[in-house]
Amino acid sequence: MQITKELAYLLGIFKDGSVYKNEKEKIYRIRIYQKNRDWLEMIQKIFEQVFNTKLILREDTRNGIWYLEVNRKELFKALNKILSKPVPEIIKNSTIEMKLSFIQGVFDAEGSILRVEKYENSPNKLKEKLQDLRINFGQSDRELLEFIKTTLEEVGIRCGKICGPFFKNETSKPYFQVNSYGIANLEKFYSLIGTRHPIKLMRFNKIIDLKHNAYI
């Protein structure tokens, strides 16, 4: 399979997706979850372009989320093989451009940035939050975070140490975090990597506007 920016992006978003099989029931399921329907509709188009397969968009009303789904054996086998490692070999051995597209996918699926809209009516609280501005990646795969940190620093985006393990509760799996702090690193991330997620794009633009208005 030839690597492209669109494929690299899709492989990144699968860090918050799933591939599942039950051979007895002939289930070879691929799912991608997300609260934002608009983003999933965009992913649906990219997936069809890359794999010539249209995912079905469904709503999980109990959990208040949307998901894309398909049950196809050959596609499952291909994706399961590629995604068997924290960082797919096809990404590790690719160009920096492809690596950054992969990181964009990981960020869009489960990275985070300040929810600036939450504090728009509380200017003092907003200023306080902006002092701790960061781009955050949280993952159970430490190897993936090490790849993200190394790749970001290769293009001049400074990161802190990988922190953890953390546990959400006594029975949960451990997870780790890595952060890139400050407006300068945020602007570099936005310029070199960016986002295709509509909510995260809005947050980037609002934060950068605040800087231009001397708010940061």
Protein backbone atom coordinates (compact mmCIF):
# COMPACT_ATOMS: atom_id res chain seq x y z
CA MET A 1 0.00 0.00 0.00
CA GLN A 2 1.47 3.35 -1.05
CA ILE A 3 1.61 6.00 1.64
CA THR A 4 -0.15 9.30 1.02
CA LYS A 5 -1.00 12.22 3.28
CA GLU A 6 -4.63 11.09 3.39
CA LEU A 7 -3.70 7.52 4.36
CA ALA A 8 -1.24 8.77 6.99
CA TYR A 9 -3.99 10.98 8.45
CA LEU A 10 -6.44 8.06 8.60
CA LEU A 11 -3.87 5.84 10.33
CA GLY A 12 -3.46 8.58 12.93
CA ILE A 13 -7.16 8.86 13.69
CA PHE A 14 -7.36 5.11 14.27
CA LYS A 15 -5.59 5.74 17.58
CA ASP A 16 -9.13 6.53 18.71
CA GLY A 17 -10.85 3.97 16.50
CA SER A 18 -11.10 0.20 16.63
CA VAL A 19 -10.77 -2.91 14.49
CA TYR A 20 -12.53 -5.96 15.88
CA LYS A 21 -13.14 -9.51 14.68
CA ASN A 22 -15.30 -12.43 15.72
CA GLU A 23 -14.72 -15.14 13.13
CA LYS A 24 -17.47 -17.36 14.53
CA GLU A 25 -20.02 -14.58 13.94
CA LYS A 26 -18.25 -13.43 10.74
CA ILE A 27 -17.70 -9.99 12.19
CA TYR A 28 -14.74 -7.98 10.84
CA ARG A 29 -15.68 -4.55 12.10
CA ILE A 30 -13.99 -1.20 11.70
CA ARG A 31 -15.22 1.74 13.78
CA ILE A 32 -14.25 5.36 14.32
CA TYR A 33 -15.90 7.25 17.21
CA GLN A 34 -16.36 10.98 17.71
CA LYS A 35 -18.74 13.52 19.24
CA ASN A 36 -18.48 15.84 16.23
CA ARG A 37 -20.62 14.67 13.31
CA ASP A 38 -19.15 17.15 10.82
CA TRP A 39 -15.65 15.77 11.35
CA LEU A 40 -16.87 12.19 10.88
CA GLU A 41 -18.59 13.15 7.63
CA MET A 42 -15.25 14.49 6.39
CA ILE A 43 -13.50 11.27 7.50
CA GLN A 44 -16.17 9.28 5.67
CA LYS A 45 -15.22 11.02 2.40
CA ILE A 46 -11.46 10.58 2.93
CA PHE A 47 -11.90 6.91 3.80
CA GLU A 48 -13.91 6.28 0.66
CA GLN A 49 -11.27 8.08 -1.41
CA VAL A 50 -8.39 6.04 0.09
CA PHE A 51 -9.99 2.60 0.48
CA ASN A 52 -12.86 2.77 -2.03
CA THR A 53 -15.20 1.86 0.81
CA LYS A 54 -17.99 3.95 2.29
CA LEU A 55 -18.33 3.79 6.05
CA ILE A 56 -21.83 3.97 7.52
CA LEU A 57 -22.51 6.89 9.87
CA ARG A 58 -24.49 5.94 12.98
CA GLU A 59 -25.50 7.65 16.23
CA ASP A 60 -24.98 6.16 19.69
CA THR A 61 -27.75 8.02 21.50
CA ARG A 62 -26.98 6.42 24.87
CA ASN A 63 -23.46 7.87 24.97
CA GLY A 64 -24.09 11.01 22.93
CA ILE A 65 -21.55 10.21 20.22
CA TRP A 66 -21.41 9.33 16.53
CA TYR A 67 -19.42 6.61 14.83
CA LEU A 68 -18.47 5.35 11.39
CA GLU A 69 -18.68 1.62 10.81
CA VAL A 70 -18.16 -1.07 8.20
CA ASN A 71 -17.93 -4.87 8.33
CA ARG A 72 -15.53 -6.07 5.64
CA LYS A 73 -13.04 -8.92 6.04
CA GLU A 74 -10.35 -7.94 3.53
CA LEU A 75 -10.28 -4.33 4.69
CA PHE A 76 -10.14 -5.48 8.31
CA LYS A 77 -7.16 -7.73 7.56
CA ALA A 78 -5.27 -4.95 5.76
CA LEU A 79 -5.85 -2.36 8.49
CA ASN A 80 -5.27 -4.78 11.36
CA LYS A 81 -1.85 -5.64 9.94
CA ILE A 82 -0.84 -1.98 9.49
CA LEU A 83 -2.15 -0.96 12.92
CA SER A 84 -0.57 -3.84 14.84
CA LYS A 85 2.19 -1.56 16.17
CA PRO A 86 1.84 1.74 18.07
CA VAL A 87 3.44 3.54 15.10
CA PRO A 88 2.87 1.75 11.78
CA GLU A 89 6.05 0.80 9.93
CA ILE A 90 4.71 2.55 6.84
CA ILE A 91 4.76 5.78 8.89
CA LYS A 92 8.13 5.19 10.56
CA ASN A 93 9.78 4.69 7.17
CA SER A 94 8.09 7.64 5.45
CA THR A 95 8.97 11.29 4.92
CA ILE A 96 8.58 13.99 7.54
CA GLU A 97 5.53 15.25 5.62
CA MET A 98 3.77 11.90 6.07
CA LYS A 99 4.77 11.69 9.71
CA LEU A 100 3.24 15.10 10.36
CA SER A 101 0.01 14.05 8.61
CA PHE A 102 -0.11 11.01 10.88
CA ILE A 103 0.37 13.24 13.94
CA GLN A 104 -2.39 15.53 12.66
CA GLY A 105 -4.69 12.51 12.61
CA VAL A 106 -3.74 11.50 16.17
CA PHE A 107 -4.30 15.07 17.35
CA ASP A 108 -7.67 15.41 15.63
CA ALA A 109 -8.88 12.11 17.08
CA GLU A 110 -7.77 12.53 20.68
CA GLY A 111 -5.34 15.39 21.18
CA SER A 112 -6.50 18.49 23.03
CA ILE A 113 -6.12 22.24 23.14
CA LEU A 114 -7.58 24.85 25.50
CA ARG A 115 -11.39 25.05 25.27
CA VAL A 116 -11.14 28.77 24.87
CA GLU A 117 -14.85 29.19 24.12
CA LYS A 118 -15.63 28.01 27.66
CA TYR A 119 -14.05 31.16 29.13
CA GLU A 120 -15.15 33.83 26.65
CA ASN A 121 -17.43 35.45 29.24
CA SER A 122 -14.82 35.19 32.02
CA PRO A 123 -11.84 37.32 30.90
CA ASN A 124 -9.85 36.89 34.11
CA LYS A 125 -10.24 33.12 34.04
CA LEU A 126 -9.34 33.11 30.35
CA LYS A 127 -6.11 35.02 31.03
CA GLU A 128 -5.26 32.55 33.78
CA LYS A 129 -5.83 29.58 31.46
CA LEU A 130 -3.79 31.14 28.67
CA GLN A 131 -0.77 31.23 30.99
CA ASP A 132 -0.80 27.43 30.91
CA LEU A 133 -1.42 27.12 27.16
CA ARG A 134 -0.50 23.71 25.76
CA ILE A 135 -1.12 21.13 23.08
CA ASN A 136 -1.73 17.79 24.76
CA PHE A 137 -1.46 14.19 23.65
CA GLY A 138 -2.61 11.46 26.02
CA GLN A 139 -2.12 7.80 25.17
CA SER A 140 -1.73 4.34 26.68
CA ASP A 141 1.03 3.69 24.10
CA ARG A 142 4.17 5.37 25.42
CA GLU A 143 6.00 4.40 22.21
CA LEU A 144 3.53 6.45 20.18
CA LEU A 145 4.10 9.49 22.41
CA GLU A 146 7.86 9.09 22.07
CA PHE A 147 7.44 9.12 18.28
CA ILE A 148 5.24 12.23 18.44
CA LYS A 149 7.67 14.05 20.75
CA THR A 150 10.70 13.17 18.61
CA THR A 151 9.00 14.16 15.36
CA LEU A 152 7.67 17.45 16.72
CA GLU A 153 11.09 18.39 18.05
CA GLU A 154 12.64 17.57 14.66
CA VAL A 155 10.57 20.38 13.14
CA GLY A 156 11.25 22.82 15.99
CA ILE A 157 8.19 22.27 18.19
CA ARG A 158 9.48 21.87 21.74
CA CYS A 159 7.83 19.34 24.05
CA GLY A 160 8.01 18.56 27.72
CA LYS A 161 8.85 15.18 29.19
CA ILE A 162 6.52 12.24 28.76
CA CYS A 163 4.59 12.04 32.02
CA GLY A 164 2.90 9.08 33.67
CA PRO A 165 1.71 6.51 34.09
CA PHE A 166 -1.66 7.87 35.22
CA PHE A 167 -4.77 5.86 36.11
CA LYS A 168 -8.34 7.10 35.73
CA ASN A 169 -9.47 4.54 38.29
CA GLU A 170 -8.21 1.38 40.01
CA THR A 171 -9.13 -0.92 37.11
CA SER A 172 -8.14 1.30 34.18
CA LYS A 173 -5.11 0.85 31.97
CA PRO A 174 -2.17 3.21 32.55
CA TYR A 175 -1.84 6.16 30.21
CA PHE A 176 0.84 8.76 29.52
CA GLN A 177 0.89 12.38 28.40
CA VAL A 178 3.18 14.71 26.50
CA ASN A 179 2.63 18.45 26.17
CA SER A 180 3.95 21.27 24.03
CA TYR A 181 3.69 24.54 25.95
CA GLY A 182 3.24 28.18 25.01
CA ILE A 183 1.90 30.29 22.17
CA ALA A 184 5.09 30.03 20.07
CA ASN A 185 4.91 26.24 19.94
CA LEU A 186 1.16 26.36 19.37
CA GLU A 187 1.62 28.63 16.36
CA LYS A 188 4.34 26.36 14.95
CA PHE A 189 2.09 23.34 15.39
CA TYR A 190 -0.76 25.14 13.64
CA SER A 191 1.50 26.23 10.79
CA LEU A 192 3.34 22.94 10.20
CA ILE A 193 0.67 20.40 11.14
CA GLY A 194 -2.67 22.09 11.67
CA THR A 195 -6.00 20.39 12.17
CA ARG A 196 -8.95 19.27 10.09
CA HIS A 197 -11.26 19.06 13.10
CA PRO A 198 -13.76 21.97 13.00
CA ILE A 199 -13.87 22.51 16.78
CA LYS A 200 -10.11 22.39 17.21
CA LEU A 201 -9.65 24.67 14.20
CA MET A 202 -11.97 27.19 15.84
CA ARG A 203 -9.95 27.01 19.06
CA PHE A 204 -6.63 27.54 17.28
CA ASN A 205 -8.00 30.57 15.46
CA LYS A 206 -9.48 32.11 18.60
CA ILE A 207 -6.22 31.68 20.55
CA ILE A 208 -4.11 33.14 17.74
CA ASP A 209 -6.53 36.07 17.44
CA LEU A 210 -6.13 36.71 21.16
CA LYS A 211 -2.37 36.90 20.67
CA HIS A 212 -2.70 39.36 17.79
CA ASN A 213 -4.93 41.48 20.04
CA ALA A 214 -2.17 41.45 22.69
CA TYR A 215 -4.26 39.28 25.02
CA ILE A 216 -1.47 36.74 25.48
